[in-house]
Amino acid sequence: MLNWISKNMKWTFTAPALVLTALLLVFPLIYTTWMSLHKWSGSSVKAPLWLGAGNYINLFTNDPRFVDAVGRTLLFTGVTVAAEVTLGFGIALILRKSFRGERIVRTIILLPLVATPVAISMAWLLLLEPTIGLGNQVLGAFGIPEQEFLGSASGALWLLMMIDVWQWTPMIVLIALAGLTSLPDDPYQAAVVDGASSWQQFKYLTLPLMVPTLFAGLLLRLVDSLKTFDIIYVTTKGGPGNATETLNTYGFMQAFEYTNFGRASAVLIIFFAIVLAVTLVVSKVRSKVGDLS
């Protein structure tokens, strides 16, 4: 036995981690896939009814609410991630240089990261409450009519994007600051000797050298933004109507409001495929950009 363990040392030590990973990741994925092929209301009396690909076909051919949720999910992710990476990198460039009171400024900027998304959502919900919220009081001071804010079908999703950007831009600031402080000094000293301007140093040195760091931050936020649930559910629960409903909230409603677990499982499997595809595409683009830079 001891000889067998010695010969298979790498498998002996990694086996517990592999088994745990299988239990935590692979089994739920297999079970959800199996459930997505059935119709089941959660009843302990009626067994799940086999539908095959019926749930998937219905979602794509007979459910405009699902199609709209896919569009909102992609819109929410695209806008928030683009804004967070751009703003985060810009703020990091400003904070890179030492100035008076920089520690206080950095602490204030990073404060949104400290609170949980639910607490942030509750705070914004109170601020944007149409009758007693601070938002309309501020607008009223400037003579601007009261707004519905999160009650507006056309503006609620954009306000949720703003809240997400407000909370998660500091994360990109942290990542970008770590990348900026690790840049080598030699290329910049050589550029100064050659007479390069600040813009030329940014364009030909800082930006290319920061590409791997920015892509790492972009990938992290991309996956996280696709999965956003707390902010949307706490503030609007997908409303008004279905104006802010994304795939996450739609799948939640199908499972725990309508007890349609088969359909909810199909939504989650499609959602998993979208997250996986987006991650692979971004990783591929990152590799190509890295080869070019």
Protein backbone atom coordinates (compact mmCIF):
# COMPACT_ATOMS: atom_id res chain seq x y z
CA MET A 1 0.00 0.00 0.00
CA LEU A 2 2.80 2.40 0.93
CA ASN A 3 4.57 1.59 -2.32
CA TRP A 4 1.41 2.35 -4.32
CA ILE A 5 0.99 5.69 -2.50
CA SER A 6 4.64 6.58 -3.17
CA LYS A 7 4.27 5.79 -6.86
CA ASN A 8 1.03 7.79 -7.17
CA MET A 9 1.92 10.65 -4.84
CA LYS A 10 0.50 13.42 -7.09
CA TRP A 11 -2.89 11.68 -7.37
CA THR A 12 -2.98 10.83 -3.66
CA PHE A 13 -2.64 14.47 -2.62
CA THR A 14 -4.87 15.95 -5.32
CA ALA A 15 -7.67 13.37 -5.07
CA PRO A 16 -9.51 15.04 -2.12
CA ALA A 17 -9.53 18.39 -3.93
CA LEU A 18 -10.76 16.76 -7.16
CA VAL A 19 -13.55 14.93 -5.35
CA LEU A 20 -14.61 18.11 -3.53
CA THR A 21 -14.60 20.07 -6.82
CA ALA A 22 -16.73 17.38 -8.44
CA LEU A 23 -19.22 17.51 -5.59
CA LEU A 24 -19.46 21.32 -5.51
CA LEU A 25 -19.34 22.11 -9.23
CA VAL A 26 -19.88 19.16 -11.48
CA PHE A 27 -22.78 17.49 -9.66
CA PRO A 28 -24.97 20.66 -9.49
CA LEU A 29 -24.30 21.30 -13.18
CA ILE A 30 -25.29 17.75 -14.13
CA TYR A 31 -28.38 17.85 -11.90
CA THR A 32 -29.48 21.23 -13.28
CA THR A 33 -29.03 19.97 -16.84
CA TRP A 34 -31.11 16.88 -16.02
CA MET A 35 -33.79 19.03 -14.39
CA SER A 36 -33.88 21.37 -17.43
CA LEU A 37 -35.09 18.43 -19.51
CA HIS A 38 -38.13 17.90 -17.27
CA LYS A 39 -41.26 19.68 -16.13
CA TRP A 40 -41.47 19.76 -12.34
CA SER A 41 -43.29 22.01 -9.86
CA GLY A 42 -41.35 20.88 -6.80
CA SER A 43 -44.10 18.50 -5.77
CA SER A 44 -43.08 15.51 -3.63
CA VAL A 45 -46.06 13.56 -5.03
CA LYS A 46 -45.63 14.11 -8.78
CA ALA A 47 -42.34 12.98 -10.26
CA PRO A 48 -40.60 15.21 -12.85
CA LEU A 49 -42.10 14.79 -16.33
CA TRP A 50 -39.66 14.20 -19.19
CA LEU A 51 -39.83 16.95 -21.86
CA GLY A 52 -36.52 16.53 -23.63
CA ALA A 53 -35.55 19.85 -25.20
CA GLY A 54 -39.09 21.20 -24.71
CA ASN A 55 -38.12 23.83 -22.14
CA TYR A 56 -35.34 25.17 -24.39
CA ILE A 57 -37.57 25.25 -27.47
CA ASN A 58 -40.31 27.10 -25.58
CA LEU A 59 -37.87 29.67 -24.24
CA PHE A 60 -36.52 30.56 -27.68
CA THR A 61 -39.72 30.28 -29.72
CA ASN A 62 -42.58 31.14 -27.37
CA ASP A 63 -41.25 33.36 -24.60
CA PRO A 64 -40.54 37.02 -25.53
CA ARG A 65 -39.97 37.76 -21.83
CA PHE A 66 -36.93 35.43 -21.88
CA VAL A 67 -35.55 36.98 -25.09
CA ASP A 68 -35.93 40.48 -23.61
CA ALA A 69 -34.15 39.33 -20.43
CA VAL A 70 -31.20 38.09 -22.51
CA GLY A 71 -30.98 41.49 -24.24
CA ARG A 72 -31.12 43.38 -20.94
CA THR A 73 -28.47 41.14 -19.41
CA LEU A 74 -26.07 41.82 -22.28
CA LEU A 75 -26.88 45.56 -22.30
CA PHE A 76 -26.43 45.86 -18.53
CA THR A 77 -23.12 43.99 -18.67
CA GLY A 78 -21.72 45.84 -21.67
CA VAL A 79 -22.52 49.33 -20.39
CA THR A 80 -21.44 48.77 -16.78
CA VAL A 81 -18.18 46.98 -17.57
CA ALA A 82 -17.16 49.54 -20.22
CA ALA A 83 -17.91 52.43 -17.84
CA GLU A 84 -16.20 50.79 -14.84
CA VAL A 85 -12.99 49.94 -16.73
CA THR A 86 -12.76 53.39 -18.34
CA LEU A 87 -13.53 55.34 -15.16
CA GLY A 88 -11.49 53.02 -12.96
CA PHE A 89 -8.40 53.34 -15.15
CA GLY A 90 -8.81 57.12 -15.37
CA ILE A 91 -9.15 57.52 -11.60
CA ALA A 92 -6.15 55.23 -11.04
CA LEU A 93 -4.04 57.42 -13.35
CA ILE A 94 -5.02 60.46 -11.26
CA LEU A 95 -4.39 58.72 -7.94
CA ARG A 96 -1.04 57.35 -9.16
CA LYS A 97 0.67 60.67 -8.48
CA SER A 98 1.19 61.80 -4.90
CA PHE A 99 -0.81 64.81 -3.74
CA ARG A 100 -1.92 66.36 -0.48
CA GLY A 101 -4.71 64.35 1.16
CA GLU A 102 -4.32 61.38 -1.20
CA ARG A 103 -4.97 58.84 1.56
CA ILE A 104 -8.29 60.46 2.47
CA VAL A 105 -9.32 60.64 -1.20
CA ARG A 106 -8.38 56.99 -1.80
CA THR A 107 -10.34 55.89 1.27
CA ILE A 108 -13.45 57.79 0.17
CA ILE A 109 -13.27 56.37 -3.35
CA LEU A 110 -12.93 52.80 -2.06
CA LEU A 111 -15.81 53.09 0.46
CA PRO A 112 -18.51 51.59 -1.85
CA LEU A 113 -16.53 48.33 -1.92
CA VAL A 114 -16.86 47.93 1.84
CA ALA A 115 -20.65 47.61 1.95
CA THR A 116 -22.56 44.60 0.67
CA PRO A 117 -24.61 44.93 -2.55
CA VAL A 118 -27.84 44.54 -0.53
CA ALA A 119 -26.92 47.41 1.80
CA ILE A 120 -25.93 49.56 -1.19
CA SER A 121 -29.21 48.73 -2.89
CA MET A 122 -31.27 49.63 0.20
CA ALA A 123 -29.44 52.96 0.51
CA TRP A 124 -30.07 53.87 -3.16
CA LEU A 125 -33.66 52.68 -2.88
CA LEU A 126 -34.21 55.19 -0.10
CA LEU A 127 -32.38 57.98 -1.94
CA LEU A 128 -34.42 57.43 -5.10
CA GLU A 129 -37.79 57.00 -3.39
CA PRO A 130 -40.10 59.41 -5.32
CA THR A 131 -41.93 60.96 -2.32
CA ILE A 132 -39.46 61.09 0.58
CA GLY A 133 -36.14 60.36 -1.14
CA LEU A 134 -33.30 62.86 -1.29
CA GLY A 135 -33.17 62.65 -5.09
CA ASN A 136 -36.39 64.54 -5.77
CA GLN A 137 -35.63 67.03 -2.96
CA VAL A 138 -32.34 67.94 -4.68
CA LEU A 139 -34.05 68.20 -8.08
CA GLY A 140 -36.79 70.34 -6.53
CA ALA A 141 -34.19 72.79 -5.20
CA PHE A 142 -33.20 73.45 -8.83
CA GLY A 143 -36.80 73.70 -10.02
CA ILE A 144 -36.76 70.33 -11.77
CA PRO A 145 -40.05 68.35 -11.62
CA GLU A 146 -40.22 65.18 -9.53
CA GLN A 147 -39.00 61.99 -11.20
CA GLU A 148 -40.18 58.40 -10.79
CA PHE A 149 -36.60 57.13 -10.82
CA LEU A 150 -36.80 53.35 -10.26
CA GLY A 151 -40.54 53.47 -11.06
CA SER A 152 -39.85 54.60 -14.62
CA ALA A 153 -39.95 51.81 -17.21
CA SER A 154 -37.59 53.70 -19.51
CA GLY A 155 -35.06 54.88 -16.92
CA ALA A 156 -34.94 52.25 -14.18
CA LEU A 157 -32.43 49.97 -15.94
CA TRP A 158 -30.06 52.90 -16.55
CA LEU A 159 -30.28 53.89 -12.88
CA LEU A 160 -29.40 50.32 -11.88
CA MET A 161 -26.40 50.50 -14.21
CA MET A 162 -25.36 53.76 -12.50
CA ILE A 163 -25.58 52.09 -9.06
CA ASP A 164 -23.49 49.15 -10.27
CA VAL A 165 -20.88 51.48 -11.76
CA TRP A 166 -20.82 53.53 -8.55
CA GLN A 167 -20.18 50.44 -6.43
CA TRP A 168 -17.72 48.48 -8.57
CA THR A 169 -15.56 51.13 -10.26
CA PRO A 170 -13.35 51.25 -7.11
CA MET A 171 -12.49 47.60 -7.72
CA ILE A 172 -11.02 48.51 -11.13
CA VAL A 173 -9.24 51.45 -9.46
CA LEU A 174 -7.56 49.04 -7.05
CA ILE A 175 -6.51 46.64 -9.83
CA ALA A 176 -5.26 49.45 -12.09
CA LEU A 177 -3.34 51.11 -9.25
CA ALA A 178 -1.60 47.81 -8.48
CA GLY A 179 -0.67 47.51 -12.16
CA LEU A 180 0.55 51.11 -12.44
CA THR A 181 2.78 50.87 -9.37
CA SER A 182 4.43 47.73 -10.75
CA LEU A 183 5.39 49.30 -14.10
CA PRO A 184 9.17 49.50 -14.68
CA ASP A 185 10.83 52.94 -14.52
CA ASP A 186 13.49 52.33 -17.20
CA PRO A 187 11.25 52.78 -20.28
CA TYR A 188 9.90 56.05 -18.89
CA GLN A 189 13.40 57.39 -18.15
CA ALA A 190 14.47 56.49 -21.68
CA ALA A 191 11.34 58.17 -23.08
CA VAL A 192 12.10 61.38 -21.15
CA VAL A 193 15.66 61.39 -22.52
CA ASP A 194 14.23 60.99 -26.05
CA GLY A 195 11.92 63.96 -25.47
CA ALA A 196 8.61 62.05 -25.39
CA SER A 197 5.62 64.07 -24.18
CA SER A 198 3.28 62.89 -21.40
CA TRP A 199 0.66 61.84 -23.98
CA GLN A 200 3.26 59.86 -25.96
CA GLN A 201 4.42 58.14 -22.76
CA PHE A 202 0.81 57.19 -21.98
CA LYS A 203 0.04 56.02 -25.53
CA TYR A 204 3.21 54.04 -26.22
CA LEU A 205 4.22 52.89 -22.72
CA THR A 206 1.51 53.03 -20.06
CA LEU A 207 -1.41 51.78 -22.14
CA PRO A 208 0.38 48.79 -23.78
CA LEU A 209 1.99 47.78 -20.48
CA MET A 210 -1.35 47.99 -18.68
CA VAL A 211 -3.26 45.85 -21.21
CA PRO A 212 -2.83 42.53 -19.29
CA THR A 213 -3.88 44.18 -16.00
CA LEU A 214 -6.91 45.89 -17.53
CA PHE A 215 -8.01 42.67 -19.23
CA ALA A 216 -7.78 40.85 -15.89
CA GLY A 217 -10.02 43.48 -14.29
CA LEU A 218 -12.35 43.47 -17.29
CA LEU A 219 -12.74 39.68 -17.14
CA LEU A 220 -13.47 39.74 -13.41
CA ARG A 221 -16.11 42.45 -13.75
CA LEU A 222 -17.56 40.88 -16.90
CA VAL A 223 -18.35 37.60 -15.17
CA ASP A 224 -19.56 39.38 -12.03
CA SER A 225 -21.72 41.86 -13.92
CA LEU A 226 -23.39 39.10 -15.94
CA LYS A 227 -24.40 37.49 -12.63
CA THR A 228 -25.74 40.68 -11.02
CA PHE A 229 -28.79 39.83 -8.93
CA ASP A 230 -28.73 41.66 -5.57
CA ILE A 231 -29.03 45.22 -6.86
CA ILE A 232 -31.82 44.40 -9.29
CA TYR A 233 -33.89 42.20 -6.98
CA VAL A 234 -33.64 44.45 -3.92
CA THR A 235 -34.46 47.69 -5.74
CA THR A 236 -36.98 46.73 -8.46
CA LYS A 237 -37.46 42.91 -8.44
CA GLY A 238 -37.26 43.14 -12.23
CA GLY A 239 -39.93 45.88 -12.49
CA PRO A 240 -41.67 48.09 -13.26
CA GLY A 241 -43.38 45.46 -15.37
CA ASN A 242 -40.37 43.53 -16.68
CA ALA A 243 -38.31 46.62 -17.52
CA THR A 244 -35.26 45.62 -15.44
CA GLU A 245 -35.58 41.86 -15.56
CA THR A 246 -32.37 40.03 -16.46
CA LEU A 247 -31.68 36.33 -16.85
CA ASN A 248 -30.81 35.97 -13.17
CA THR A 249 -34.03 37.50 -11.89
CA TYR A 250 -36.08 35.74 -14.58
CA GLY A 251 -34.66 32.35 -13.57
CA PHE A 252 -35.29 33.15 -9.90
CA MET A 253 -38.91 34.08 -10.61
CA GLN A 254 -39.49 30.92 -12.62
CA ALA A 255 -38.15 28.76 -9.79
CA PHE A 256 -39.40 30.41 -6.60
CA GLU A 257 -42.40 32.50 -7.71
CA TYR A 258 -43.94 30.16 -10.31
CA THR A 259 -42.37 26.87 -8.98
CA ASN A 260 -41.43 25.96 -12.54
CA PHE A 261 -38.12 24.34 -11.74
CA GLY A 262 -37.60 22.67 -15.12
CA ARG A 263 -37.95 25.94 -17.01
CA ALA A 264 -35.78 27.78 -14.44
CA SER A 265 -33.08 25.12 -14.85
CA ALA A 266 -33.15 25.59 -18.63
CA VAL A 267 -32.70 29.35 -18.13
CA LEU A 268 -29.72 28.75 -15.85
CA ILE A 269 -28.07 26.33 -18.30
CA ILE A 270 -28.43 28.87 -21.11
CA PHE A 271 -27.10 31.55 -18.77
CA PHE A 272 -24.12 29.32 -17.90
CA ALA A 273 -23.41 28.84 -21.61
CA ILE A 274 -23.52 32.62 -22.21
CA VAL A 275 -21.10 33.32 -19.32
CA LEU A 276 -18.76 30.57 -20.54
CA ALA A 277 -18.85 31.83 -24.14
CA VAL A 278 -18.21 35.47 -23.16
CA THR A 279 -15.33 34.40 -20.90
CA LEU A 280 -13.72 32.33 -23.66
CA VAL A 281 -14.08 35.15 -26.21
CA VAL A 282 -12.53 37.73 -23.85
CA SER A 283 -9.68 35.34 -22.99
CA LYS A 284 -9.05 34.76 -26.70
CA VAL A 285 -9.03 38.51 -27.41
CA ARG A 286 -6.71 39.02 -24.46
CA SER A 287 -4.24 36.48 -25.86
CA LYS A 288 -4.27 38.11 -29.31
CA VAL A 289 -3.84 41.62 -27.88
CA GLY A 290 -1.03 40.34 -25.66
CA ASP A 291 0.74 38.88 -28.69
CA LEU A 292 0.45 42.18 -30.58
CA SER A 293 1.60 44.43 -27.72
